[in-house]
N, C-alpha and C. Protein backbone atom coordinates (compact mmCIF):
# COMPACT_ATOMS: atom_id res chain seq x y z
N MET A 1 10.22 -47.23 29.66
CA MET A 1 8.63 -47.05 29.86
C MET A 1 8.19 -48.37 29.52
N SER A 2 7.31 -48.93 30.39
CA SER A 2 6.71 -50.14 30.12
C SER A 2 5.54 -49.95 29.14
N PRO A 3 5.14 -51.17 28.47
CA PRO A 3 4.03 -51.09 27.49
C PRO A 3 2.67 -50.47 28.15
N ASP A 4 2.50 -50.81 29.26
CA ASP A 4 1.28 -50.32 29.97
C ASP A 4 1.35 -48.90 30.20
N ASP A 5 2.50 -48.32 30.39
CA ASP A 5 2.58 -46.91 30.73
C ASP A 5 2.45 -46.15 29.38
N ARG A 6 2.94 -46.73 28.35
CA ARG A 6 2.86 -46.20 26.98
C ARG A 6 1.26 -46.22 26.44
N LYS A 7 0.61 -47.35 26.79
CA LYS A 7 -0.84 -47.34 26.49
C LYS A 7 -1.54 -46.33 27.27
N ARG A 8 -1.34 -46.19 28.48
CA ARG A 8 -1.87 -45.20 29.46
C ARG A 8 -1.66 -43.76 28.78
N ALA A 9 -0.43 -43.38 28.53
CA ALA A 9 -0.02 -42.11 27.86
C ALA A 9 -0.89 -41.84 26.66
N TYR A 10 -0.78 -42.81 25.81
CA TYR A 10 -1.50 -42.85 24.38
C TYR A 10 -2.93 -42.50 24.69
N ARG A 11 -3.56 -43.22 25.49
CA ARG A 11 -4.96 -42.99 25.82
C ARG A 11 -5.29 -41.52 26.26
N LYS A 12 -4.35 -41.19 27.33
CA LYS A 12 -4.49 -39.90 27.94
C LYS A 12 -4.41 -38.75 26.79
N ASP A 13 -3.26 -38.88 25.87
CA ASP A 13 -3.25 -38.03 24.78
C ASP A 13 -4.41 -38.03 23.79
N LEU A 14 -4.86 -39.17 23.58
CA LEU A 14 -5.95 -39.22 22.67
C LEU A 14 -7.23 -38.68 23.22
N LEU A 15 -7.56 -38.84 24.51
CA LEU A 15 -8.62 -38.26 25.20
C LEU A 15 -8.55 -36.83 25.21
N LEU A 16 -7.37 -36.15 25.53
CA LEU A 16 -7.13 -34.75 25.45
C LEU A 16 -7.44 -34.27 24.19
N ALA A 17 -6.95 -34.94 23.00
CA ALA A 17 -7.13 -34.45 21.71
C ALA A 17 -8.58 -34.37 21.25
N SER A 18 -9.19 -35.44 21.72
CA SER A 18 -10.67 -35.59 21.35
C SER A 18 -11.46 -34.50 22.02
N VAL A 19 -11.11 -34.16 23.22
CA VAL A 19 -11.90 -33.13 24.08
C VAL A 19 -11.51 -31.90 23.48
N MET A 20 -10.50 -31.61 22.92
CA MET A 20 -10.08 -30.31 22.33
C MET A 20 -10.89 -30.14 21.04
N VAL A 21 -11.00 -31.20 20.12
CA VAL A 21 -11.75 -31.18 18.91
C VAL A 21 -13.27 -31.01 19.25
N ALA A 22 -13.85 -31.72 20.35
CA ALA A 22 -15.06 -31.61 20.58
C ALA A 22 -15.33 -30.07 21.11
N ALA A 23 -14.54 -29.60 21.89
CA ALA A 23 -14.77 -28.14 22.36
C ALA A 23 -14.71 -27.07 21.24
N GLY A 24 -13.86 -27.39 20.18
CA GLY A 24 -13.82 -26.54 18.98
C GLY A 24 -15.08 -26.47 18.18
N LEU A 25 -15.54 -27.92 17.94
CA LEU A 25 -16.74 -28.04 17.23
C LEU A 25 -17.98 -27.46 17.97
N ALA A 26 -17.97 -27.37 19.30
CA ALA A 26 -19.03 -26.90 20.11
C ALA A 26 -18.96 -25.43 19.99
N LEU A 27 -17.82 -24.84 20.17
CA LEU A 27 -17.64 -23.38 19.95
C LEU A 27 -18.15 -22.80 18.59
N SER A 28 -17.71 -23.63 17.52
CA SER A 28 -18.14 -23.19 16.20
C SER A 28 -19.61 -23.20 16.01
N GLY A 29 -20.11 -24.35 16.63
CA GLY A 29 -21.65 -24.44 16.55
C GLY A 29 -22.35 -23.39 17.20
N VAL A 30 -21.96 -22.94 18.46
CA VAL A 30 -22.57 -21.94 19.19
C VAL A 30 -22.42 -20.62 18.36
N SER A 31 -21.32 -20.38 17.73
CA SER A 31 -21.13 -19.14 16.95
C SER A 31 -22.04 -19.16 15.71
N LEU A 32 -22.19 -20.11 15.09
CA LEU A 32 -22.91 -20.24 13.89
C LEU A 32 -24.40 -20.02 14.33
N VAL A 33 -24.91 -20.58 15.38
CA VAL A 33 -26.28 -20.29 15.95
C VAL A 33 -26.47 -18.84 16.34
N ASP A 34 -25.47 -18.20 16.92
CA ASP A 34 -25.58 -16.87 17.21
C ASP A 34 -25.81 -16.09 16.08
N LEU A 35 -24.88 -16.33 14.97
CA LEU A 35 -24.98 -15.54 13.76
C LEU A 35 -26.54 -15.78 13.13
N ALA A 36 -26.96 -17.00 13.18
CA ALA A 36 -28.18 -17.11 12.48
C ALA A 36 -29.40 -16.49 13.27
N VAL A 37 -29.20 -16.45 14.66
CA VAL A 37 -30.27 -15.81 15.35
C VAL A 37 -30.29 -14.30 15.22
N HIS A 38 -29.09 -13.65 15.39
CA HIS A 38 -28.91 -12.26 15.41
C HIS A 38 -28.64 -11.83 14.08
N GLU A 39 -29.23 -10.70 13.73
CA GLU A 39 -28.85 -10.07 12.34
C GLU A 39 -27.36 -9.47 12.41
N PRO A 40 -26.56 -10.06 11.40
CA PRO A 40 -25.23 -9.61 11.43
C PRO A 40 -25.06 -8.16 11.15
N LYS A 41 -24.24 -7.52 11.82
CA LYS A 41 -23.97 -6.14 11.65
C LYS A 41 -22.59 -5.95 10.93
N MET A 42 -22.44 -5.16 9.97
CA MET A 42 -21.36 -4.83 9.19
C MET A 42 -20.57 -3.66 9.68
N ALA A 43 -19.28 -3.73 9.96
CA ALA A 43 -18.45 -2.60 10.42
C ALA A 43 -18.21 -1.55 9.34
N GLN A 44 -18.25 -0.27 9.58
CA GLN A 44 -18.02 0.61 8.61
C GLN A 44 -16.66 1.23 8.85
N ALA A 45 -15.83 1.29 7.80
CA ALA A 45 -14.50 1.70 8.04
C ALA A 45 -14.33 3.22 8.26
N THR A 46 -15.16 3.93 7.54
CA THR A 46 -14.94 5.37 7.65
C THR A 46 -16.48 5.94 8.00
N PRO A 47 -16.44 6.96 8.72
CA PRO A 47 -17.83 7.49 9.03
C PRO A 47 -18.37 8.20 7.68
N PRO A 48 -19.82 8.28 7.59
CA PRO A 48 -20.30 8.90 6.49
C PRO A 48 -19.75 10.44 6.30
N LEU A 49 -19.93 10.85 5.02
CA LEU A 49 -19.51 12.15 4.88
C LEU A 49 -20.51 13.09 5.46
N GLN A 50 -20.13 14.20 5.96
CA GLN A 50 -20.94 15.28 6.44
C GLN A 50 -20.51 16.58 5.94
N SER A 51 -21.46 17.42 5.60
CA SER A 51 -21.08 18.63 5.12
C SER A 51 -20.58 19.69 6.08
N THR A 52 -19.60 20.43 5.54
CA THR A 52 -18.99 21.54 6.51
C THR A 52 -19.91 22.67 6.77
N PRO A 53 -19.90 23.21 7.95
CA PRO A 53 -20.78 24.46 8.15
C PRO A 53 -20.50 25.53 7.03
N GLY A 54 -21.50 25.99 6.53
CA GLY A 54 -21.29 27.09 5.69
C GLY A 54 -20.98 26.64 4.20
N ALA A 55 -21.10 25.23 3.89
CA ALA A 55 -20.84 25.03 2.56
C ALA A 55 -21.70 25.43 1.42
N GLU A 56 -22.90 25.89 1.91
CA GLU A 56 -23.84 26.41 0.84
C GLU A 56 -23.39 27.77 0.17
N THR A 57 -22.58 28.60 0.91
CA THR A 57 -22.15 29.83 0.49
C THR A 57 -20.86 29.63 -0.23
N LYS A 58 -20.02 28.59 0.01
CA LYS A 58 -18.74 28.56 -0.64
C LYS A 58 -18.89 27.75 -1.97
N PRO A 59 -17.94 28.13 -3.00
CA PRO A 59 -17.94 27.49 -4.22
C PRO A 59 -17.52 26.03 -4.01
N SER A 60 -17.93 25.08 -4.84
CA SER A 60 -17.59 23.71 -4.61
C SER A 60 -16.01 23.31 -5.00
N ALA A 61 -15.65 23.96 -6.00
CA ALA A 61 -14.33 23.62 -6.46
C ALA A 61 -13.72 24.98 -7.13
N PRO A 62 -12.44 25.12 -7.14
CA PRO A 62 -11.73 26.25 -7.79
C PRO A 62 -11.98 26.09 -9.32
N ALA A 63 -11.80 27.26 -9.99
CA ALA A 63 -12.00 27.34 -11.27
C ALA A 63 -10.80 26.62 -12.06
N GLU A 64 -10.96 26.01 -13.23
CA GLU A 64 -9.93 25.36 -13.93
C GLU A 64 -8.94 26.31 -14.61
N SER A 65 -7.65 25.84 -14.37
CA SER A 65 -6.68 26.81 -14.94
C SER A 65 -6.49 26.47 -16.51
N VAL A 66 -6.31 27.39 -17.28
CA VAL A 66 -6.34 27.20 -18.68
C VAL A 66 -4.83 26.99 -18.89
N THR A 67 -4.52 25.66 -19.57
CA THR A 67 -3.30 25.49 -19.99
C THR A 67 -3.27 25.11 -21.50
N THR A 68 -2.21 25.42 -22.29
CA THR A 68 -2.29 25.16 -23.64
C THR A 68 -1.43 23.69 -23.84
N GLY A 69 -0.80 23.32 -22.98
CA GLY A 69 -0.08 21.94 -23.34
C GLY A 69 1.36 22.28 -23.91
N GLN A 70 1.60 23.48 -24.06
CA GLN A 70 2.86 23.88 -24.63
C GLN A 70 3.88 24.25 -23.42
N ARG A 71 5.24 23.90 -23.77
CA ARG A 71 6.17 24.31 -22.78
C ARG A 71 6.29 25.87 -22.81
N PRO A 72 6.47 26.47 -21.63
CA PRO A 72 6.70 27.86 -21.61
C PRO A 72 8.05 28.24 -22.27
N SER A 73 8.00 29.12 -23.11
CA SER A 73 9.03 29.51 -24.04
C SER A 73 10.07 30.63 -23.31
N GLU A 74 9.43 31.29 -22.22
CA GLU A 74 10.29 32.34 -21.75
C GLU A 74 11.27 31.80 -20.58
N ILE A 75 11.13 30.43 -20.27
CA ILE A 75 11.96 29.79 -19.50
C ILE A 75 12.84 28.78 -20.01
N PRO A 76 14.17 28.98 -20.18
CA PRO A 76 15.04 28.14 -20.96
C PRO A 76 15.29 26.94 -20.21
N PRO A 77 15.37 25.67 -21.01
CA PRO A 77 15.76 24.58 -20.16
C PRO A 77 16.97 24.59 -19.39
N GLN A 78 17.07 23.97 -18.14
CA GLN A 78 18.29 24.00 -17.38
C GLN A 78 19.05 22.80 -17.63
N PRO A 79 20.46 23.02 -17.58
CA PRO A 79 21.37 21.86 -17.84
C PRO A 79 21.39 20.95 -16.52
N ALA A 80 21.81 19.66 -16.77
CA ALA A 80 21.86 18.67 -15.65
C ALA A 80 23.18 18.94 -14.99
N HIS A 81 23.92 19.89 -15.00
CA HIS A 81 25.11 20.10 -14.42
C HIS A 81 25.17 21.62 -13.87
N PRO A 82 25.85 21.83 -12.71
CA PRO A 82 25.90 23.15 -12.28
C PRO A 82 26.70 24.01 -13.11
N ASP A 83 26.56 25.38 -12.96
CA ASP A 83 27.45 26.22 -13.71
C ASP A 83 28.85 26.28 -13.31
N ALA A 84 29.75 26.90 -13.94
CA ALA A 84 31.05 26.92 -13.60
C ALA A 84 31.50 27.35 -12.12
N GLU A 85 30.74 28.55 -11.80
CA GLU A 85 30.86 29.10 -10.53
C GLU A 85 30.46 28.05 -9.50
N ALA A 86 29.47 27.44 -9.51
CA ALA A 86 29.11 26.53 -8.67
C ALA A 86 30.06 25.15 -8.52
N GLN A 87 30.68 24.84 -9.64
CA GLN A 87 31.56 23.75 -9.73
C GLN A 87 32.91 24.29 -8.92
N LYS A 88 33.23 25.49 -9.10
CA LYS A 88 34.40 25.89 -8.31
C LYS A 88 34.14 25.97 -6.81
N ALA A 89 32.75 26.11 -6.40
CA ALA A 89 32.56 26.18 -5.05
C ALA A 89 32.48 24.72 -4.49
N GLY A 90 32.56 23.72 -5.37
CA GLY A 90 32.52 22.40 -4.79
C GLY A 90 31.30 21.52 -5.12
N VAL A 91 30.38 22.04 -6.02
CA VAL A 91 29.19 21.33 -6.39
C VAL A 91 29.43 20.46 -7.47
N THR A 92 29.02 19.06 -7.21
CA THR A 92 29.35 18.08 -8.22
C THR A 92 28.25 17.96 -9.23
N PRO A 93 28.38 17.73 -10.49
CA PRO A 93 27.50 17.65 -11.52
C PRO A 93 26.41 16.64 -11.12
N ALA A 94 25.14 16.69 -11.49
CA ALA A 94 24.12 15.68 -11.24
C ALA A 94 24.35 14.57 -12.04
N LEU A 95 24.84 14.56 -13.28
CA LEU A 95 25.24 13.52 -14.25
C LEU A 95 26.56 13.58 -14.74
N PRO A 96 27.29 12.59 -14.89
CA PRO A 96 28.63 12.69 -15.39
C PRO A 96 28.45 12.70 -16.83
N PRO A 97 29.45 13.47 -17.40
CA PRO A 97 29.49 13.55 -18.97
C PRO A 97 29.66 12.21 -19.63
N ALA A 98 28.90 11.91 -20.59
CA ALA A 98 28.82 10.57 -21.26
C ALA A 98 30.11 10.55 -22.12
N PRO A 99 30.69 9.35 -22.10
CA PRO A 99 31.96 9.21 -22.87
C PRO A 99 31.68 9.17 -24.45
N ALA A 100 32.49 9.58 -25.25
CA ALA A 100 32.30 9.70 -26.70
C ALA A 100 31.82 8.28 -27.32
N GLU A 101 32.41 7.22 -26.95
CA GLU A 101 32.11 5.83 -27.47
C GLU A 101 30.58 5.51 -27.11
N LYS A 102 30.03 6.06 -26.05
CA LYS A 102 28.74 5.58 -25.71
C LYS A 102 27.70 6.43 -26.53
N ILE A 103 28.01 7.36 -27.16
CA ILE A 103 26.95 8.20 -27.88
C ILE A 103 26.77 7.51 -29.25
N ALA A 104 25.54 7.16 -29.58
CA ALA A 104 25.36 6.37 -30.82
C ALA A 104 24.73 7.30 -32.00
N ALA A 105 24.78 6.77 -33.15
CA ALA A 105 24.27 7.54 -34.23
C ALA A 105 22.59 7.55 -34.15
N PRO A 106 22.03 8.51 -34.65
CA PRO A 106 20.44 8.55 -34.69
C PRO A 106 19.94 7.22 -35.27
N ILE A 107 18.74 6.84 -34.83
CA ILE A 107 18.13 5.64 -35.49
C ILE A 107 17.43 6.03 -36.81
N GLY A 108 17.66 5.32 -37.75
CA GLY A 108 17.19 5.70 -39.15
C GLY A 108 15.70 5.25 -39.21
N GLU A 109 15.14 5.84 -40.19
CA GLU A 109 13.76 5.54 -40.65
C GLU A 109 13.57 4.17 -41.23
N LYS A 110 12.37 3.52 -40.94
CA LYS A 110 12.14 2.17 -41.43
C LYS A 110 11.55 2.27 -42.98
C-alpha cells in the first residue's frame, strides 16, 4: 500500500469516526431536550393493591395460635436411623454411626 493510499484510508476512517461521534452527541442532545420538555413518567413495577370483592365481611387475618414454646412431650424424638425392620428391607441409615475415637469428652466449665 502506497503512502497516499494509507493517508486516504486514515482520513476516511477518521471522518467515519468523527461522524459517528457527532451522531451520538446529537442523539444524546435530542434525548436530553425531550426529557426536559416532557414530564418524565416513572414505570410502576406492580399494579396498586385492590380490595377483593366482599372483603368487608371477611376477617382480615386468622386468629393467632397459642404456643408455649415447649417441645410436645407426647411425641418422642425420632432416631436418625431407620428401625431394624426397615434396615432388613434395605433402607440405609440417614447418618452413619460415629466412630468411638471421634466422640470427645464434654467441655468443662470455665
